[in-house]
Amino acid sequence: MANSFNTVFYTGVTSDLQGRVWQHKNNKFPKSFTSRYKCYKLVDYSFFSEIEEAIYEEKRIKGGRRQQKIDSVVSKNPNWIDLYEGLVS
């Protein structure tokens, strides 16, 4: 998830991507990181068959440099469009 200026990033793990992004977009948890920093745009996501793989990838991304995160998004979503609409249509 990113804010509207693509300057703040949030990485997380969920078993319900559509529902979780909806929660972020609708400030379901007003004191959360995504609410405080207005990270309402889904710019990248991956699916994994095992939760352990997803957690490993989350930790890898969070531990990486900022430029690596930017490069990863740009390689898959160069226009930084909100991918949420594709999940719900």
PDB file of N, CA and C in Angstrom:
ATOM      1  N   MET A   1       0.864  -1.164   0.000  1.00  0.00           N
ATOM      2  CA  MET A   1       0.000   0.000   0.000  1.00  0.00           C
ATOM      3  C   MET A   1       0.908   1.223   0.000  1.00  0.00           C
ATOM      4  N   ALA A   2       0.413   2.297  -0.616  1.00  0.00           N
ATOM      5  CA  ALA A   2       1.169   3.548  -0.669  1.00  0.00           C
ATOM      6  C   ALA A   2       0.207   4.710  -0.455  1.00  0.00           C
ATOM      7  N   ASN A   3       0.783   5.851  -0.086  1.00  0.00           N
ATOM      8  CA  ASN A   3      -0.041   7.052   0.007  1.00  0.00           C
ATOM      9  C   ASN A   3      -0.198   7.658  -1.390  1.00  0.00           C
ATOM     10  N   SER A   4      -0.947   8.725  -1.496  1.00  0.00           N
ATOM     11  CA  SER A   4      -1.247   9.295  -2.820  1.00  0.00           C
ATOM     12  C   SER A   4      -0.013   9.866  -3.517  1.00  0.00           C
ATOM     13  N   PHE A   5       1.018  10.208  -2.751  1.00  0.00           N
ATOM     14  CA  PHE A   5       2.247  10.750  -3.336  1.00  0.00           C
ATOM     15  C   PHE A   5       3.305   9.674  -3.584  1.00  0.00           C
ATOM     16  N   ASN A   6       2.988   8.428  -3.238  1.00  0.00           N
ATOM     17  CA  ASN A   6       3.911   7.291  -3.378  1.00  0.00           C
ATOM     18  C   ASN A   6       5.200   7.514  -2.592  1.00  0.00           C
ATOM     19  N   THR A   7       5.067   8.118  -1.419  1.00  0.00           N
ATOM     20  CA  THR A   7       6.233   8.379  -0.580  1.00  0.00           C
ATOM     21  C   THR A   7       6.242   7.568   0.708  1.00  0.00           C
ATOM     22  N   VAL A   8       5.094   7.031   1.095  1.00  0.00           N
ATOM     23  CA  VAL A   8       4.989   6.209   2.295  1.00  0.00           C
ATOM     24  C   VAL A   8       4.468   4.848   1.870  1.00  0.00           C
ATOM     25  N   PHE A   9       5.088   3.787   2.407  1.00  0.00           N
ATOM     26  CA  PHE A   9       4.724   2.423   2.021  1.00  0.00           C
ATOM     27  C   PHE A   9       4.342   1.600   3.232  1.00  0.00           C
ATOM     28  N   TYR A  10       3.406   0.688   3.022  1.00  0.00           N
ATOM     29  CA  TYR A  10       2.989  -0.255   4.055  1.00  0.00           C
ATOM     30  C   TYR A  10       3.008  -1.648   3.438  1.00  0.00           C
ATOM     31  N   THR A  11       3.575  -2.584   4.161  1.00  0.00           N
ATOM     32  CA  THR A  11       3.610  -3.981   3.734  1.00  0.00           C
ATOM     33  C   THR A  11       2.971  -4.828   4.816  1.00  0.00           C
ATOM     34  N   GLY A  12       2.108  -5.747   4.432  1.00  0.00           N
ATOM     35  CA  GLY A  12       1.460  -6.612   5.408  1.00  0.00           C
ATOM     36  C   GLY A  12       1.088  -7.948   4.802  1.00  0.00           C
ATOM     37  N   VAL A  13       0.569  -8.821   5.655  1.00  0.00           N
ATOM     38  CA  VAL A  13       0.142 -10.169   5.269  1.00  0.00           C
ATOM     39  C   VAL A  13      -1.320 -10.328   5.659  1.00  0.00           C
ATOM     40  N   THR A  14      -2.106 -10.938   4.789  1.00  0.00           N
ATOM     41  CA  THR A  14      -3.508 -11.209   5.090  1.00  0.00           C
ATOM     42  C   THR A  14      -3.974 -12.432   4.307  1.00  0.00           C
ATOM     43  N   SER A  15      -5.008 -13.064   4.799  1.00  0.00           N
ATOM     44  CA  SER A  15      -5.622 -14.166   4.059  1.00  0.00           C
ATOM     45  C   SER A  15      -6.838 -13.684   3.267  1.00  0.00           C
ATOM     46  N   ASP A  16      -7.168 -12.397   3.401  1.00  0.00           N
ATOM     47  CA  ASP A  16      -8.306 -11.799   2.705  1.00  0.00           C
ATOM     48  C   ASP A  16      -7.887 -10.443   2.153  1.00  0.00           C
ATOM     49  N   LEU A  17      -7.209 -10.434   1.016  1.00  0.00           N
ATOM     50  CA  LEU A  17      -6.655  -9.198   0.461  1.00  0.00           C
ATOM     51  C   LEU A  17      -7.736  -8.161   0.192  1.00  0.00           C
ATOM     52  N   GLN A  18      -8.798  -8.545  -0.475  1.00  0.00           N
ATOM     53  CA  GLN A  18      -9.862  -7.601  -0.807  1.00  0.00           C
ATOM     54  C   GLN A  18     -10.443  -6.963   0.457  1.00  0.00           C
ATOM     55  N   GLY A  19     -10.744  -7.775   1.442  1.00  0.00           N
ATOM     56  CA  GLY A  19     -11.314  -7.271   2.690  1.00  0.00           C
ATOM     57  C   GLY A  19     -10.345  -6.389   3.462  1.00  0.00           C
ATOM     58  N   ARG A  20      -9.092  -6.782   3.502  1.00  0.00           N
ATOM     59  CA  ARG A  20      -8.096  -6.010   4.247  1.00  0.00           C
ATOM     60  C   ARG A  20      -7.843  -4.659   3.590  1.00  0.00           C
ATOM     61  N   VAL A  21      -7.756  -4.624   2.268  1.00  0.00           N
ATOM     62  CA  VAL A  21      -7.554  -3.343   1.583  1.00  0.00           C
ATOM     63  C   VAL A  21      -8.771  -2.449   1.818  1.00  0.00           C
ATOM     64  N   TRP A  22      -9.962  -3.020   1.781  1.00  0.00           N
ATOM     65  CA  TRP A  22     -11.167  -2.241   2.069  1.00  0.00           C
ATOM     66  C   TRP A  22     -11.066  -1.611   3.454  1.00  0.00           C
ATOM     67  N   GLN A  23     -10.592  -2.377   4.446  1.00  0.00           N
ATOM     68  CA  GLN A  23     -10.428  -1.839   5.798  1.00  0.00           C
ATOM     69  C   GLN A  23      -9.460  -0.653   5.802  1.00  0.00           C
ATOM     70  N   HIS A  24      -8.331  -0.795   5.093  1.00  0.00           N
ATOM     71  CA  HIS A  24      -7.369   0.301   5.024  1.00  0.00           C
ATOM     72  C   HIS A  24      -8.002   1.527   4.377  1.00  0.00           C
ATOM     73  N   LYS A  25      -8.651   1.342   3.252  1.00  0.00           N
ATOM     74  CA  LYS A  25      -9.239   2.460   2.507  1.00  0.00           C
ATOM     75  C   LYS A  25     -10.335   3.171   3.295  1.00  0.00           C
ATOM     76  N   ASN A  26     -10.995   2.462   4.187  1.00  0.00           N
ATOM     77  CA  ASN A  26     -12.115   3.022   4.936  1.00  0.00           C
ATOM     78  C   ASN A  26     -11.765   3.332   6.398  1.00  0.00           C
ATOM     79  N   ASN A  27     -10.480   3.399   6.697  1.00  0.00           N
ATOM     80  CA  ASN A  27     -10.007   3.753   8.045  1.00  0.00           C
ATOM     81  C   ASN A  27     -10.689   2.957   9.146  1.00  0.00           C
ATOM     82  N   LYS A  28     -10.828   1.666   8.916  1.00  0.00           N
ATOM     83  CA  LYS A  28     -11.467   0.806   9.908  1.00  0.00           C
ATOM     84  C   LYS A  28     -10.729   0.863  11.245  1.00  0.00           C
ATOM     85  N   PHE A  29      -9.424   1.082  11.191  1.00  0.00           N
ATOM     86  CA  PHE A  29      -8.603   1.179  12.404  1.00  0.00           C
ATOM     87  C   PHE A  29      -7.909   2.546  12.386  1.00  0.00           C
ATOM     88  N   PRO A  30      -8.560   3.584  12.915  1.00  0.00           N
ATOM     89  CA  PRO A  30      -8.095   4.965  12.776  1.00  0.00           C
ATOM     90  C   PRO A  30      -6.697   5.245  13.330  1.00  0.00           C
ATOM     91  N   LYS A  31      -6.215   4.441  14.255  1.00  0.00           N
ATOM     92  CA  LYS A  31      -4.890   4.687  14.830  1.00  0.00           C
ATOM     93  C   LYS A  31      -3.805   3.862  14.151  1.00  0.00           C
ATOM     94  N   SER A  32      -4.169   3.123  13.116  1.00  0.00           N
ATOM     95  CA  SER A  32      -3.195   2.271  12.425  1.00  0.00           C
ATOM     96  C   SER A  32      -2.242   3.092  11.565  1.00  0.00           C
ATOM     97  N   PHE A  33      -1.136   2.473  11.174  1.00  0.00           N
ATOM     98  CA  PHE A  33      -0.142   3.114  10.316  1.00  0.00           C
ATOM     99  C   PHE A  33      -0.775   3.607   9.020  1.00  0.00           C
ATOM    100  N   THR A  34      -1.575   2.750   8.383  1.00  0.00           N
ATOM    101  CA  THR A  34      -2.153   3.133   7.091  1.00  0.00           C
ATOM    102  C   THR A  34      -3.108   4.309   7.223  1.00  0.00           C
ATOM    103  N   SER A  35      -3.829   4.399   8.319  1.00  0.00           N
ATOM    104  CA  SER A  35      -4.722   5.541   8.533  1.00  0.00           C
ATOM    105  C   SER A  35      -3.927   6.806   8.817  1.00  0.00           C
ATOM    106  N   ARG A  36      -2.950   6.714   9.698  1.00  0.00           N
ATOM    107  CA  ARG A  36      -2.154   7.903  10.059  1.00  0.00           C
ATOM    108  C   ARG A  36      -1.417   8.481   8.862  1.00  0.00           C
ATOM    109  N   TYR A  37      -0.895   7.598   7.986  1.00  0.00           N
ATOM    110  CA  TYR A  37      -0.093   8.061   6.851  1.00  0.00           C
ATOM    111  C   TYR A  37      -0.831   7.999   5.517  1.00  0.00           C
ATOM    112  N   LYS A  38      -2.144   7.740   5.597  1.00  0.00           N
ATOM    113  CA  LYS A  38      -3.026   7.757   4.414  1.00  0.00           C
ATOM    114  C   LYS A  38      -2.537   6.841   3.287  1.00  0.00           C
ATOM    115  N   CYS A  39      -2.180   5.621   3.668  1.00  0.00           N
ATOM    116  CA  CYS A  39      -1.760   4.606   2.683  1.00  0.00           C
ATOM    117  C   CYS A  39      -3.005   3.860   2.228  1.00  0.00           C
ATOM    118  N   TYR A  40      -3.664   4.391   1.223  1.00  0.00           N
ATOM    119  CA  TYR A  40      -4.942   3.848   0.759  1.00  0.00           C
ATOM    120  C   TYR A  40      -4.869   3.222  -0.626  1.00  0.00           C
ATOM    121  N   LYS A  41      -3.704   3.210  -1.223  1.00  0.00           N
ATOM    122  CA  LYS A  41      -3.574   2.748  -2.606  1.00  0.00           C
ATOM    123  C   LYS A  41      -2.814   1.420  -2.646  1.00  0.00           C
ATOM    124  N   LEU A  42      -3.452   0.390  -3.192  1.00  0.00           N
ATOM    125  CA  LEU A  42      -2.809  -0.911  -3.357  1.00  0.00           C
ATOM    126  C   LEU A  42      -1.959  -0.864  -4.623  1.00  0.00           C
ATOM    127  N   VAL A  43      -0.638  -0.895  -4.467  1.00  0.00           N
ATOM    128  CA  VAL A  43       0.242  -0.752  -5.622  1.00  0.00           C
ATOM    129  C   VAL A  43       0.960  -2.053  -5.991  1.00  0.00           C
ATOM    130  N   ASP A  44       0.906  -3.051  -5.117  1.00  0.00           N
ATOM    131  CA  ASP A  44       1.557  -4.331  -5.397  1.00  0.00           C
ATOM    132  C   ASP A  44       0.987  -5.379  -4.458  1.00  0.00           C
ATOM    133  N   TYR A  45       0.916  -6.606  -4.936  1.00  0.00           N
ATOM    134  CA  TYR A  45       0.534  -7.717  -4.072  1.00  0.00           C
ATOM    135  C   TYR A  45       1.003  -9.020  -4.689  1.00  0.00           C
ATOM    136  N   SER A  46       1.128 -10.017  -3.837  1.00  0.00           N
ATOM    137  CA  SER A  46       1.521 -11.365  -4.267  1.00  0.00           C
ATOM    138  C   SER A  46       0.695 -12.369  -3.485  1.00  0.00           C
ATOM    139  N   PHE A  47       0.465 -13.518  -4.097  1.00  0.00           N
ATOM    140  CA  PHE A  47      -0.222 -14.610  -3.420  1.00  0.00           C
ATOM    141  C   PHE A  47       0.766 -15.728  -3.150  1.00  0.00           C
ATOM    142  N   PHE A  48       0.591 -16.409  -2.016  1.00  0.00           N
ATOM    143  CA  PHE A  48       1.448 -17.512  -1.622  1.00  0.00           C
ATOM    144  C   PHE A  48       0.578 -18.678  -1.179  1.00  0.00           C
ATOM    145  N   SER A  49       1.050 -19.883  -1.422  1.00  0.00           N
ATOM    146  CA  SER A  49       0.274 -21.058  -1.031  1.00  0.00           C
ATOM    147  C   SER A  49       0.426 -21.380   0.455  1.00  0.00           C
ATOM    148  N   GLU A  50       1.509 -20.934   1.053  1.00  0.00           N
ATOM    149  CA  GLU A  50       1.756 -21.193   2.475  1.00  0.00           C
ATOM    150  C   GLU A  50       1.970 -19.878   3.217  1.00  0.00           C
ATOM    151  N   ILE A  51       1.380 -19.754   4.406  1.00  0.00           N
ATOM    152  CA  ILE A  51       1.503 -18.535   5.196  1.00  0.00           C
ATOM    153  C   ILE A  51       2.956 -18.243   5.545  1.00  0.00           C
ATOM    154  N   GLU A  52       3.747 -19.287   5.756  1.00  0.00           N
ATOM    155  CA  GLU A  52       5.156 -19.087   6.097  1.00  0.00           C
ATOM    156  C   GLU A  52       5.904 -18.375   4.978  1.00  0.00           C
ATOM    157  N   GLU A  53       5.561 -18.690   3.735  1.00  0.00           N
ATOM    158  CA  GLU A  53       6.176 -18.018   2.589  1.00  0.00           C
ATOM    159  C   GLU A  53       5.803 -16.533   2.577  1.00  0.00           C
ATOM    160  N   ALA A  54       4.547 -16.254   2.871  1.00  0.00           N
ATOM    161  CA  ALA A  54       4.072 -14.868   2.880  1.00  0.00           C
ATOM    162  C   ALA A  54       4.766 -14.068   3.978  1.00  0.00           C
ATOM    163  N   ILE A  55       4.900 -14.651   5.148  1.00  0.00           N
ATOM    164  CA  ILE A  55       5.556 -13.964   6.267  1.00  0.00           C
ATOM    165  C   ILE A  55       7.027 -13.728   5.950  1.00  0.00           C
ATOM    166  N   TYR A  56       7.678 -14.714   5.346  1.00  0.00           N
ATOM    167  CA  TYR A  56       9.081 -14.560   4.957  1.00  0.00           C
ATOM    168  C   TYR A  56       9.237 -13.387   3.973  1.00  0.00           C
ATOM    169  N   GLU A  57       8.354 -13.332   2.986  1.00  0.00           N
ATOM    170  CA  GLU A  57       8.422 -12.257   1.986  1.00  0.00           C
ATOM    171  C   GLU A  57       8.126 -10.898   2.621  1.00  0.00           C
ATOM    172  N   GLU A  58       7.165 -10.840   3.519  1.00  0.00           N
ATOM    173  CA  GLU A  58       6.857  -9.590   4.220  1.00  0.00           C
ATOM    174  C   GLU A  58       8.091  -9.086   4.970  1.00  0.00           C
ATOM    175  N   LYS A  59       8.759  -9.972   5.695  1.00  0.00           N
ATOM    176  CA  LYS A  59       9.956  -9.579   6.452  1.00  0.00           C
ATOM    177  C   LYS A  59      11.088  -9.164   5.521  1.00  0.00           C
ATOM    178  N   ARG A  60      11.215  -9.836   4.394  1.00  0.00           N
ATOM    179  CA  ARG A  60      12.251  -9.490   3.426  1.00  0.00           C
ATOM    180  C   ARG A  60      12.016  -8.081   2.871  1.00  0.00           C
ATOM    181  N   ILE A  61      10.773  -7.808   2.517  1.00  0.00           N
ATOM    182  CA  ILE A  61      10.433  -6.489   1.979  1.00  0.00           C
ATOM    183  C   ILE A  61      10.643  -5.410   3.041  1.00  0.00           C
ATOM    184  N   LYS A  62      10.139  -5.638   4.238  1.00  0.00           N
ATOM    185  CA  LYS A  62      10.270  -4.646   5.304  1.00  0.00           C
ATOM    186  C   LYS A  62      11.728  -4.395   5.664  1.00  0.00           C
ATOM    187  N   GLY A  63      12.572  -5.413   5.528  1.00  0.00           N
ATOM    188  CA  GLY A  63      13.984  -5.262   5.853  1.00  0.00           C
ATOM    189  C   GLY A  63      14.812  -4.659   4.735  1.00  0.00           C
ATOM    190  N   GLY A  64      14.218  -4.512   3.566  1.00  0.00           N
ATOM    191  CA  GLY A  64      14.935  -4.003   2.404  1.00  0.00           C
ATOM    192  C   GLY A  64      15.045  -2.488   2.387  1.00  0.00           C
ATOM    193  N   ARG A  65      15.867  -2.017   1.517  1.00  0.00           N
ATOM    194  CA  ARG A  65      16.040  -0.579   1.341  1.00  0.00           C
ATOM    195  C   ARG A  65      14.818   0.024   0.643  1.00  0.00           C
ATOM    196  N   ARG A  66      14.602   1.290   0.869  1.00  0.00           N
ATOM    197  CA  ARG A  66      13.484   2.012   0.258  1.00  0.00           C
ATOM    198  C   ARG A  66      13.522   1.896  -1.265  1.00  0.00           C
ATOM    199  N   GLN A  67      14.698   2.061  -1.851  1.00  0.00           N
ATOM    200  CA  GLN A  67      14.823   2.016  -3.309  1.00  0.00           C
ATOM    201  C   GLN A  67      14.436   0.647  -3.858  1.00  0.00           C
ATOM    202  N   GLN A  68      14.700  -0.407  -3.111  1.00  0.00           N
ATOM    203  CA  GLN A  68      14.295  -1.751  -3.544  1.00  0.00           C
ATOM    204  C   GLN A  68      12.773  -1.850  -3.609  1.00  0.00           C
ATOM    205  N   LYS A  69      12.103  -1.250  -2.663  1.00  0.00           N
ATOM    206  CA  LYS A  69      10.632  -1.258  -2.653  1.00  0.00           C
ATOM    207  C   LYS A  69      10.096  -0.488  -3.861  1.00  0.00           C
ATOM    208  N   ILE A  70      10.669   0.660  -4.105  1.00  0.00           N
ATOM    209  CA  ILE A  70      10.249   1.470  -5.251  1.00  0.00           C
ATOM    210  C   ILE A  70      10.492   0.716  -6.549  1.00  0.00           C
ATOM    211  N   ASP A  71      11.684   0.141  -6.695  1.00  0.00           N
ATOM    212  CA  ASP A  71      12.021  -0.608  -7.912  1.00  0.00           C
ATOM    213  C   ASP A  71      11.072  -1.786  -8.124  1.00  0.00           C
ATOM    214  N   SER A  72      10.705  -2.453  -7.050  1.00  0.00           N
ATOM    215  CA  SER A  72       9.790  -3.594  -7.152  1.00  0.00           C
ATOM    216  C   SER A  72       8.420  -3.156  -7.665  1.00  0.00           C
ATOM    217  N   VAL A  73       7.893  -2.072  -7.118  1.00  0.00           N
ATOM    218  CA  VAL A  73       6.589  -1.573  -7.574  1.00  0.00           C
ATOM    219  C   VAL A  73       6.674  -1.129  -9.029  1.00  0.00           C
ATOM    220  N   VAL A  74       7.695  -0.354  -9.360  1.00  0.00           N
ATOM    221  CA  VAL A  74       7.833   0.176 -10.722  1.00  0.00           C
ATOM    222  C   VAL A  74       7.960  -0.953 -11.741  1.00  0.00           C
ATOM    223  N   SER A  75       8.614  -2.048 -11.375  1.00  0.00           N
ATOM    224  CA  SER A  75       8.784  -3.159 -12.324  1.00  0.00           C
ATOM    225  C   SER A  75       7.462  -3.833 -12.667  1.00  0.00           C
ATOM    226  N   LYS A  76       6.495  -3.791 -11.735  1.00  0.00           N
ATOM    227  CA  LYS A  76       5.213  -4.460 -11.950  1.00  0.00           C
ATOM    228  C   LYS A  76       4.061  -3.492 -12.206  1.00  0.00           C
ATOM    229  N   ASN A  77       4.196  -2.272 -11.711  1.00  0.00           N
ATOM    230  CA  ASN A  77       3.116  -1.291 -11.767  1.00  0.00           C
ATOM    231  C   ASN A  77       3.736   0.095 -12.006  1.00  0.00           C
ATOM    232  N   PRO A  78       4.294   0.335 -13.194  1.00  0.00           N
ATOM    233  CA  PRO A  78       5.055   1.563 -13.450  1.00  0.00           C
ATOM    234  C   PRO A  78       4.270   2.863 -13.282  1.00  0.00           C
ATOM    235  N   ASN A  79       2.962   2.808 -13.402  1.00  0.00           N
ATOM    236  CA  ASN A  79       2.150   4.017 -13.254  1.00  0.00           C
ATOM    237  C   ASN A  79       1.564   4.171 -11.849  1.00  0.00           C
ATOM    238  N   TRP A  80       1.929   3.278 -10.974  1.00  0.00           N
ATOM    239  CA  TRP A  80       1.480   3.316  -9.581  1.00  0.00           C
ATOM    240  C   TRP A  80      -0.048   3.409  -9.484  1.00  0.00           C
ATOM    241  N   ILE A  81      -0.743   2.660 -10.325  1.00  0.00           N
ATOM    242  CA  ILE A  81      -2.210   2.686 -10.266  1.00  0.00           C
ATOM    243  C   ILE A  81      -2.700   1.877  -9.066  1.00  0.00           C
ATOM    244  N   ASP A  82      -3.875   2.197  -8.602  1.00  0.00           N
ATOM    245  CA  ASP A  82      -4.480   1.480  -7.490  1.00  0.00           C
ATOM    246  C   ASP A  82      -5.031   0.158  -8.029  1.00  0.00           C
ATOM    247  N   LEU A  83      -4.480  -0.941  -7.586  1.00  0.00           N
ATOM    248  CA  LEU A  83      -4.855  -2.261  -8.078  1.00  0.00           C
ATOM    249  C   LEU A  83      -6.104  -2.827  -7.403  1.00  0.00           C
ATOM    250  N   TYR A  84      -6.623  -2.116  -6.437  1.00  0.00           N
ATOM    251  CA  TYR A  84      -7.798  -2.598  -5.694  1.00  0.00           C
ATOM    252  C   TYR A  84      -8.991  -2.805  -6.611  1.00  0.00           C
ATOM    253  N   GLU A  85      -9.212  -1.891  -7.531  1.00  0.00           N
ATOM    254  CA  GLU A  85     -10.380  -2.001  -8.425  1.00  0.00           C
ATOM    255  C   GLU A  85     -10.380  -3.326  -9.178  1.00  0.00           C
ATOM    256  N   GLY A  86      -9.219  -3.823  -9.556  1.00  0.00           N
ATOM    257  CA  GLY A  86      -9.122  -5.100 -10.254  1.00  0.00           C
ATOM    258  C   GLY A  86      -9.491  -6.279  -9.368  1.00  0.00           C
ATOM    259  N   LEU A  87      -9.382  -6.110  -8.060  1.00  0.00           N
ATOM    260  CA  LEU A  87      -9.737  -7.174  -7.125  1.00  0.00           C
ATOM    261  C   LEU A  87     -11.251  -7.292  -6.964  1.00  0.00           C
ATOM    262  N   VAL A  88     -11.944  -6.167  -7.040  1.00  0.00           N
ATOM    263  CA  VAL A  88     -13.380  -6.155  -6.766  1.00  0.00           C
ATOM    264  C   VAL A  88     -14.244  -6.231  -8.007  1.00  0.00           C
ATOM    265  N   SER A  89     -13.652  -6.064  -9.198  1.00  0.00           N
ATOM    266  CA  SER A  89     -14.485  -6.113 -10.401  1.00  0.00           C
ATOM    267  C   SER A  89     -14.674  -7.512 -10.919  1.00  0.00           C
TER     268      SER A  89
END
